[in-house]
Amino acid sequence: RQTATEYLMQDLDEFKAGLVKCVKAPLTKNEFNAYMSLTYNIGTHAFCKSSIPQKLNLGQYGEACKTILQFNKMRDVSKPMY
């Protein structure tokens, strides 16, 4: 259990670093947690390439939040992402 927790914390640190690299706008704790959860689920690359960071950095918080809903579909892992 301890090793699993350590691995999780390392992963979270990496995802956090990726998120703060592409989002420069100030976020509340709840906003940060929501975008961190999304980043964890889809990966830093996919998050940073999405329109969310751009919208946040432009101050379009509502639009960025609505964009999260586009990530409610499961991807067919048998097909390449790009």
Protein backbone atom coordinates (compact mmCIF):
# COMPACT_ATOMS: atom_id res chain seq x y z
CA ARG A 1 0.00 0.00 0.00
CA GLN A 2 2.79 2.42 0.87
CA THR A 3 4.57 1.80 -2.43
CA ALA A 4 1.34 2.33 -4.37
CA THR A 5 0.77 5.62 -2.55
CA GLU A 6 4.31 6.73 -3.36
CA TYR A 7 3.79 5.91 -7.04
CA LEU A 8 0.50 7.81 -7.06
CA MET A 9 2.11 10.87 -5.48
CA GLN A 10 4.89 10.79 -8.09
CA ASP A 11 2.32 10.55 -10.87
CA LEU A 12 0.31 13.41 -9.40
CA ASP A 13 3.42 15.59 -9.20
CA GLU A 14 4.09 14.94 -12.90
CA PHE A 15 0.51 15.74 -13.90
CA LYS A 16 0.54 18.87 -11.76
CA ALA A 17 3.76 20.05 -13.41
CA GLY A 18 2.20 19.52 -16.83
CA LEU A 19 -0.98 21.35 -15.91
CA VAL A 20 0.78 24.41 -14.48
CA LYS A 21 3.08 24.49 -17.50
CA CYS A 22 0.20 25.07 -19.91
CA VAL A 23 -2.27 26.93 -17.65
CA LYS A 24 -1.02 30.31 -16.49
CA ALA A 25 -4.38 31.67 -15.33
CA PRO A 26 -5.17 31.71 -11.62
CA LEU A 27 -7.44 28.84 -10.55
CA THR A 28 -9.45 28.28 -7.41
CA LYS A 29 -8.71 25.08 -5.52
CA ASN A 30 -11.88 23.46 -6.91
CA GLU A 31 -11.04 24.51 -10.48
CA PHE A 32 -7.51 23.22 -10.10
CA ASN A 33 -8.77 19.92 -8.72
CA ALA A 34 -11.22 19.51 -11.62
CA TYR A 35 -8.58 20.20 -14.25
CA MET A 36 -6.07 18.04 -12.39
CA SER A 37 -8.56 15.16 -12.45
CA LEU A 38 -9.09 15.62 -16.17
CA THR A 39 -5.34 15.80 -16.78
CA TYR A 40 -4.85 12.61 -14.80
CA ASN A 41 -7.53 10.83 -16.82
CA ILE A 42 -6.58 11.95 -20.33
CA GLY A 43 -2.88 12.69 -19.90
CA THR A 44 -0.91 15.90 -19.82
CA HIS A 45 -0.30 15.97 -23.57
CA ALA A 46 -3.99 15.65 -24.41
CA PHE A 47 -4.96 18.22 -21.80
CA CYS A 48 -2.41 20.78 -22.94
CA LYS A 49 -3.32 20.24 -26.61
CA SER A 50 -7.02 20.72 -25.86
CA SER A 51 -8.64 24.15 -26.00
CA ILE A 52 -9.05 24.25 -22.22
CA PRO A 53 -5.69 25.85 -21.33
CA GLN A 54 -6.13 28.45 -24.07
CA LYS A 55 -9.61 29.33 -22.81
CA LEU A 56 -8.43 29.52 -19.21
CA ASN A 57 -5.46 31.70 -20.14
CA LEU A 58 -7.85 34.05 -21.95
CA GLY A 59 -10.04 34.27 -18.85
CA GLN A 60 -12.85 32.24 -20.44
CA TYR A 61 -13.45 30.10 -17.36
CA GLY A 62 -17.04 29.21 -18.19
CA GLU A 63 -16.15 28.08 -21.69
CA ALA A 64 -13.21 26.04 -20.40
CA CYS A 65 -15.48 24.36 -17.88
CA LYS A 66 -18.03 23.49 -20.57
CA THR A 67 -15.26 21.96 -22.66
CA ILE A 68 -14.67 19.32 -19.96
CA LEU A 69 -17.95 17.74 -21.10
CA GLN A 70 -16.34 16.87 -24.44
CA PHE A 71 -14.18 14.33 -22.61
CA ASN A 72 -17.03 12.07 -21.55
CA LYS A 73 -16.49 9.57 -24.35
CA MET A 74 -14.33 6.50 -24.10
CA ARG A 75 -11.73 6.15 -26.84
CA ASP A 76 -11.34 2.91 -28.75
CA VAL A 77 -7.84 1.93 -27.63
CA SER A 78 -7.43 -0.37 -30.63
CA LYS A 79 -7.19 2.72 -32.85
CA PRO A 80 -4.23 5.14 -32.81
CA MET A 81 -4.78 8.52 -31.14
CA TYR A 82 -3.25 10.51 -33.98
